[in-house]
Amino acid sequence: MPVILVTGGNRGIGYAIVQALGTRIRDATILVGCRSVENAREPIMKLKELGIPEIFEPVEIDITDDASIKAAVQTVEEGYGKLDVLVNNAGAVTLPKSDDLTELRNNWTEGFNCLVTSQVLVTKAFLPLLRKAEWGRVVMISSARGSLARNKSIEKMPPTQHWLYNCSKAALNLVTIEFRNAELREVANEMDRITIWAASPGSCKTGFNSFRGMKDPLEGAEVTARLLESRRLEIPSGTFWEFEQGNFQQVPW
């Protein structure tokens, strides 16, 4: 029985991913990661009301708090002894209130801590449990906004409202490559045992963008579902994917 943890799984894209995986990955235990167990109770109840038969359990994890990350690892280890899939979805970013240099520095520091540093630390913390699975997988929820190839073309990408978001996603994409190239080489044959991907949900209607996106969150969850439905070694590790206009396709770095 696969054990899947989705951080920030109680709302937005994370909740949509939990819902999609619950209907697509059979006999799974899906751990709904959120900052408070109470925050997961209502979303889990809604999933059960939809008639989804899979097991959903809350796991408390604040990705910006090291003690919380360690506690979450202990909870998963004691409850399941392994982790088959880690979906790094949790993350938040705010617009700076002014162009004051101190305000901007604090905004960028907090943003990178949440959107990049915390993703690295959560992944490193769960690696021992991913190594205990027959096939461990990590999905970094990124964005096509982090694609340098697309951003250099004004025609392909509209102007951004927040440089920090784009830059953090570009950094997260490189983190994905670095995990494939370095971290997962530490153990013999681990390249075949643990796969890591970056995924772009696209512009979805969530509280993150004040519901101004173009897609339903379940459409945004499709790319993650397709990655996790793939056969072992079918989709190369350290690659970047999206599902747009009916096409499941690779995103250029």
Protein backbone atom coordinates (compact mmCIF):
# COMPACT_ATOMS: atom_id res chain seq x y z
CA MET A 1 0.00 0.00 0.00
CA PRO A 2 1.64 3.29 -1.09
CA VAL A 3 2.01 6.04 1.49
CA ILE A 4 1.82 9.55 0.00
CA LEU A 5 2.45 12.83 1.82
CA VAL A 6 1.21 16.09 0.28
CA THR A 7 2.41 19.17 2.16
CA GLY A 8 -0.10 22.01 2.22
CA GLY A 9 -2.71 19.41 1.31
CA ASN A 10 -5.66 21.03 3.05
CA ARG A 11 -6.42 23.73 0.48
CA GLY A 12 -5.74 25.10 -2.99
CA ILE A 13 -3.56 23.08 -5.35
CA GLY A 14 -2.54 20.79 -2.50
CA TYR A 15 -6.13 19.82 -1.75
CA ALA A 16 -6.78 19.25 -5.46
CA ILE A 17 -3.71 16.99 -5.62
CA VAL A 18 -4.95 15.01 -2.61
CA GLN A 19 -8.37 14.64 -4.26
CA ALA A 20 -6.92 13.63 -7.63
CA LEU A 21 -4.56 11.06 -6.11
CA GLY A 22 -7.38 9.69 -3.99
CA THR A 23 -9.34 8.87 -7.13
CA ARG A 24 -6.39 7.74 -9.27
CA ILE A 25 -3.94 5.89 -7.01
CA ARG A 26 -5.63 2.76 -5.68
CA ASP A 27 -5.11 1.34 -2.18
CA ALA A 28 -3.18 4.41 -1.07
CA THR A 29 -2.81 6.08 2.28
CA ILE A 30 -2.71 9.81 1.60
CA LEU A 31 -1.28 11.99 4.34
CA VAL A 32 -2.69 15.51 4.28
CA GLY A 33 0.13 17.72 5.50
CA CYS A 34 -0.84 21.02 7.08
CA ARG A 35 0.30 23.33 9.86
CA SER A 36 -2.42 22.12 12.21
CA VAL A 37 -4.23 18.78 12.35
CA GLU A 38 -7.44 20.72 12.92
CA ASN A 39 -7.00 22.41 9.55
CA ALA A 40 -7.18 19.02 7.82
CA ARG A 41 -10.36 17.70 9.45
CA GLU A 42 -12.88 19.54 7.26
CA PRO A 43 -11.04 18.87 3.95
CA ILE A 44 -10.76 15.16 4.81
CA MET A 45 -14.46 15.05 5.67
CA LYS A 46 -15.30 16.59 2.29
CA LEU A 47 -13.21 13.98 0.52
CA LYS A 48 -15.06 11.20 2.31
CA GLU A 49 -18.39 12.82 1.38
CA LEU A 50 -17.29 12.62 -2.27
CA GLY A 51 -17.18 8.86 -1.83
CA ILE A 52 -13.43 8.52 -2.37
CA PRO A 53 -12.49 5.16 -0.81
CA GLU A 54 -8.81 5.80 -0.08
CA ILE A 55 -7.44 6.44 3.40
CA PHE A 56 -6.79 10.09 4.30
CA GLU A 57 -4.92 11.02 7.46
CA PRO A 58 -3.74 14.43 8.72
CA VAL A 59 -0.06 15.05 9.43
CA GLU A 60 1.00 18.24 11.17
CA ILE A 61 3.93 19.91 9.43
CA ASP A 62 5.05 23.52 9.18
CA ILE A 63 7.72 23.45 6.50
CA THR A 64 9.41 26.58 7.87
CA ASP A 65 9.84 25.05 11.35
CA ASP A 66 12.64 22.48 11.75
CA ALA A 67 11.12 20.95 14.89
CA SER A 68 7.81 20.53 13.07
CA ILE A 69 9.54 18.82 10.13
CA LYS A 70 11.33 16.39 12.46
CA ALA A 71 8.10 15.65 14.30
CA ALA A 72 6.32 14.95 11.00
CA VAL A 73 9.07 12.53 9.96
CA GLN A 74 8.71 10.74 13.28
CA THR A 75 4.92 10.56 12.86
CA VAL A 76 5.22 9.00 9.41
CA GLU A 77 7.95 6.61 10.51
CA GLU A 78 6.04 5.40 13.56
CA GLY A 79 2.77 5.09 11.66
CA TYR A 80 3.94 3.61 8.36
CA GLY A 81 7.66 2.83 8.47
CA LYS A 82 8.26 4.28 5.00
CA LEU A 83 7.19 7.01 2.57
CA ASP A 84 6.55 6.15 -1.07
CA VAL A 85 5.79 9.65 -2.34
CA LEU A 86 6.54 13.16 -1.11
CA VAL A 87 4.70 15.99 -2.86
CA ASN A 88 6.34 19.28 -1.88
CA ASN A 89 3.41 21.61 -2.41
CA ALA A 90 3.26 23.87 0.65
CA GLY A 91 4.53 27.40 0.16
CA ALA A 92 3.47 31.01 0.36
CA VAL A 93 4.68 34.36 -0.89
CA THR A 94 3.46 37.90 -0.26
CA LEU A 95 3.93 41.10 -2.19
CA PRO A 96 6.16 43.68 -0.48
CA LYS A 97 4.29 46.64 0.95
CA SER A 98 6.76 49.19 -0.39
CA ASP A 99 10.09 49.64 -2.19
CA ASP A 100 11.85 50.29 1.10
CA LEU A 101 15.09 48.29 0.98
CA THR A 102 14.59 46.71 4.39
CA GLU A 103 11.04 45.73 3.47
CA LEU A 104 12.23 44.20 0.19
CA ARG A 105 15.09 42.31 1.85
CA ASN A 106 12.79 40.83 4.49
CA ASN A 107 10.23 39.91 1.84
CA TRP A 108 12.78 38.10 -0.35
CA THR A 109 14.44 36.40 2.62
CA GLU A 110 11.13 35.06 3.93
CA GLY A 111 10.01 34.06 0.44
CA PHE A 112 13.14 32.09 -0.40
CA ASN A 113 13.10 30.47 3.03
CA CYS A 114 9.59 29.16 2.42
CA LEU A 115 9.71 28.40 -1.30
CA VAL A 116 13.25 27.05 -1.68
CA THR A 117 15.14 26.39 1.57
CA SER A 118 12.20 24.69 3.26
CA GLN A 119 11.59 22.43 0.23
CA VAL A 120 15.23 21.30 0.44
CA LEU A 121 15.05 20.61 4.16
CA VAL A 122 11.74 18.73 4.00
CA THR A 123 13.07 16.53 1.19
CA LYS A 124 16.32 15.81 3.02
CA ALA A 125 14.43 15.01 6.21
CA PHE A 126 12.19 12.46 4.47
CA LEU A 127 14.93 10.81 2.37
CA PRO A 128 15.54 8.01 4.91
CA LEU A 129 11.85 7.02 4.72
CA LEU A 130 11.81 7.36 0.93
CA ARG A 131 14.79 4.98 0.84
CA LYS A 132 12.71 2.41 2.70
CA ALA A 133 10.09 2.36 -0.07
CA GLU A 134 10.45 0.06 -3.06
CA TRP A 135 10.31 3.13 -5.30
CA GLY A 136 10.50 6.51 -3.61
CA ARG A 137 9.27 9.53 -5.54
CA VAL A 138 9.42 13.27 -4.93
CA VAL A 139 7.36 15.87 -6.77
CA MET A 140 8.41 19.50 -6.43
CA ILE A 141 5.42 21.73 -7.18
CA SER A 142 7.06 24.38 -9.29
CA SER A 143 5.75 26.72 -11.99
CA ALA A 144 6.39 27.41 -15.67
CA ARG A 145 7.17 30.89 -14.33
CA GLY A 146 10.46 29.36 -13.22
CA SER A 147 11.40 28.36 -16.76
CA LEU A 148 14.29 30.52 -17.96
CA ALA A 149 13.65 29.42 -21.54
CA ARG A 150 10.08 30.70 -21.43
CA ASN A 151 10.71 33.82 -19.40
CA LYS A 152 13.31 35.12 -21.83
CA SER A 153 10.57 35.31 -24.47
CA ILE A 154 8.07 38.11 -23.80
CA GLU A 155 5.66 36.52 -26.27
CA LYS A 156 5.52 33.22 -24.37
CA MET A 157 5.12 34.62 -20.89
CA PRO A 158 3.15 37.71 -19.79
CA PRO A 159 4.81 40.21 -17.43
CA THR A 160 5.14 38.97 -13.88
CA GLN A 161 3.67 40.64 -10.83
CA HIS A 162 6.25 39.23 -8.47
CA TRP A 163 9.91 38.64 -9.32
CA LEU A 164 10.39 36.72 -6.10
CA TYR A 165 7.93 34.01 -7.11
CA ASN A 166 9.56 33.47 -10.52
CA CYS A 167 13.09 33.46 -9.10
CA SER A 168 12.17 31.04 -6.31
CA LYS A 169 10.64 28.59 -8.78
CA ALA A 170 13.72 28.79 -11.01
CA ALA A 171 15.80 27.99 -7.93
CA LEU A 172 13.48 25.12 -7.01
CA ASN A 173 13.93 23.70 -10.50
CA LEU A 174 17.70 23.67 -10.00
CA VAL A 175 17.19 22.07 -6.58
CA THR A 176 15.35 19.27 -8.40
CA ILE A 177 18.31 18.75 -10.72
CA GLU A 178 20.81 18.91 -7.86
CA PHE A 179 18.93 16.26 -5.89
CA ARG A 180 19.05 14.01 -8.94
CA ASN A 181 22.70 14.72 -9.66
CA ALA A 182 24.19 14.70 -6.18
CA GLU A 183 21.99 13.79 -3.23
CA LEU A 184 20.53 10.65 -4.75
CA ARG A 185 23.94 9.34 -5.80
CA GLU A 186 25.02 8.87 -2.19
CA VAL A 187 23.62 5.36 -2.05
CA ALA A 188 24.48 2.77 -4.71
CA ASN A 189 21.74 2.39 -7.33
CA GLU A 190 19.60 5.04 -5.65
CA MET A 191 19.11 6.80 -8.97
CA ASP A 192 16.89 3.86 -9.89
CA ARG A 193 15.20 3.70 -6.48
CA ILE A 194 14.25 7.35 -5.96
CA THR A 195 12.83 9.56 -8.69
CA ILE A 196 12.41 13.34 -8.40
CA TRP A 197 10.39 15.57 -10.73
CA ALA A 198 9.35 19.22 -10.94
CA ALA A 199 5.72 19.86 -11.90
CA SER A 200 3.91 23.00 -13.05
CA PRO A 201 0.17 23.04 -12.21
CA GLY A 202 -0.37 26.16 -14.35
CA SER A 203 -2.43 29.21 -13.49
CA CYS A 204 -5.16 27.84 -11.20
CA LYS A 205 -7.98 29.59 -9.37
CA THR A 206 -6.83 29.49 -5.75
CA GLY A 207 -6.51 31.81 -2.79
CA PHE A 208 -2.83 32.16 -3.72
CA ASN A 209 -3.79 34.41 -6.67
CA SER A 210 -7.14 35.65 -5.28
CA PHE A 211 -8.89 33.12 -7.55
CA ARG A 212 -7.82 34.93 -10.71
CA GLY A 213 -6.25 31.86 -12.37
CA MET A 214 -7.31 30.31 -15.64
CA LYS A 215 -7.75 26.68 -14.54
CA ASP A 216 -9.69 24.69 -11.97
CA PRO A 217 -7.29 23.34 -9.31
CA LEU A 218 -8.16 19.75 -10.30
CA GLU A 219 -6.83 20.52 -13.78
CA GLY A 220 -3.67 21.78 -12.11
CA ALA A 221 -3.40 18.52 -10.16
CA GLU A 222 -3.43 16.47 -13.36
CA VAL A 223 0.29 16.78 -13.97
CA THR A 224 1.13 15.34 -10.54
CA ALA A 225 -1.38 12.51 -10.99
CA ARG A 226 0.14 11.58 -14.35
CA LEU A 227 3.66 11.57 -12.98
CA LEU A 228 2.65 9.28 -10.14
CA GLU A 229 0.68 6.99 -12.46
CA SER A 230 3.77 6.46 -14.62
CA ARG A 231 5.74 3.23 -14.63
CA ARG A 232 9.13 3.04 -13.02
CA LEU A 233 11.85 4.66 -15.20
CA GLU A 234 9.22 5.64 -17.78
CA ILE A 235 9.68 9.37 -17.05
CA PRO A 236 13.30 10.37 -16.40
CA SER A 237 14.22 11.67 -12.97
CA GLY A 238 15.19 15.33 -12.75
CA THR A 239 12.73 16.51 -15.42
CA PHE A 240 10.05 19.23 -15.46
CA TRP A 241 6.43 18.60 -16.56
CA GLU A 242 3.05 20.25 -17.12
CA PHE A 243 -0.43 19.37 -18.38
CA GLU A 244 -1.78 22.16 -20.56
CA GLN A 245 -4.62 22.16 -23.11
CA GLY A 246 -4.85 18.40 -22.99
CA ASN A 247 -1.12 17.83 -23.44
CA PHE A 248 1.16 16.19 -20.88
CA GLN A 249 4.52 17.64 -21.85
CA GLN A 250 7.97 18.49 -20.65
CA VAL A 251 8.73 22.12 -19.70
CA PRO A 252 12.08 23.55 -20.80
CA TRP A 253 14.34 24.61 -17.96
